[in-house]
């Protein structure tokens, strides 16, 4: 390791030319074996360009941040942002770009699957004014995603088609994780972007509503060598939530939609538990109803901790504290639900309208109070 990290004899372009022209933002999680390999590739392909690389690490258990920090001590073009208590590729990319100081910012993975040799071409397109966003595309002529297995290729193709048809996205590869953007244009869009999920490019393009001049260039998506994928089993729900959020013009957040979706599953859990309690255990209705509510609240807490708030996931003893707080929050939410439902029914005696209004009030209350008292930002 010490031999690899020897100070380079090459002069740092960032020092010679002043501020960097290009910031390469690299989100990482358990990528310690790739950090130096990627830096060496960037160093080789960006000769003559003033650049920096910003590794944004989600407190990797393998100590990726420590490797980056050691490298940063030896080369001023390397920076490290270590995030504690937060997870997610989109949030990491947003923080990295906003923390950069170059007029142009590229996003690429640390897993060596993106083709860094395309960076000078991407930068040239931005500097010439031909584009405000340049996307490394796998799905135009000359591009390839042959390294995908059949399942991932099908999922990517389906998500791309949904993004195009539902959100009106015009580019061929809105799911790409390899792109470069003018920093000033990104800053205009940043307040409307979701820090959750993995599809930061799709969020950018959908948020811009066609007002971002985009150009795609082909590249061949490589095979992962080390580390672990930043995509998890919940990425499909993240994608669905992002699409729904953009359809509502961000009137509701991705996190709220996930919270509401979890609440929807809780209804089925409640009814299932109620049926079992009444038919199998022959409990009185009041006790069966209480059992259904208790089991549904418990399942909702587990799913929200695993999915909706996984970037702030409670662990250890904090789970018990959070569960008790969630019971209290949802109990108050139940009173809010019933109160609003009765109020609406008095004004307009339509049962389904009153029920829907009460349910909406309940989920809004539970969501707001859960963020304050259960999954507080640490």
Foldseek 3Di string as FASTA:
>chain_A
DCVLLAADPDDQPCVVVPHFQEEEEEEDAQLLVQVSVVVVVLCVQQPPGRYAYEYEYAQHPVPSQVSQVSSCVRDVRGHYHYHYLFAAALLSVLVRLVPGDHQKYKYDYSQPQFDSNCVVVQSVCCVVVVFQKEAADQPDPPHHAVQDDPVVVVVQVVLQVCLCVLLVQDDNRQQGRTMMGGSVLCVVQSVLADSHAYRNSSRSRSLCVPVGGYHYDYDYGHDGDDGDDSDDPCRVLLSVLSSVCSSVVNPDHSLLVQLVVLLVVLVVQLVVQLCCCCPVVVDPNVVSNVRSVLRSLVSSLVSCLVPSSVSNRDDDPLSVVLSVQLVVQLVVLLVQLVVQLVVVCVVPVDNVVSNVRSVVSSSVSSVVSCCVRRRDRD
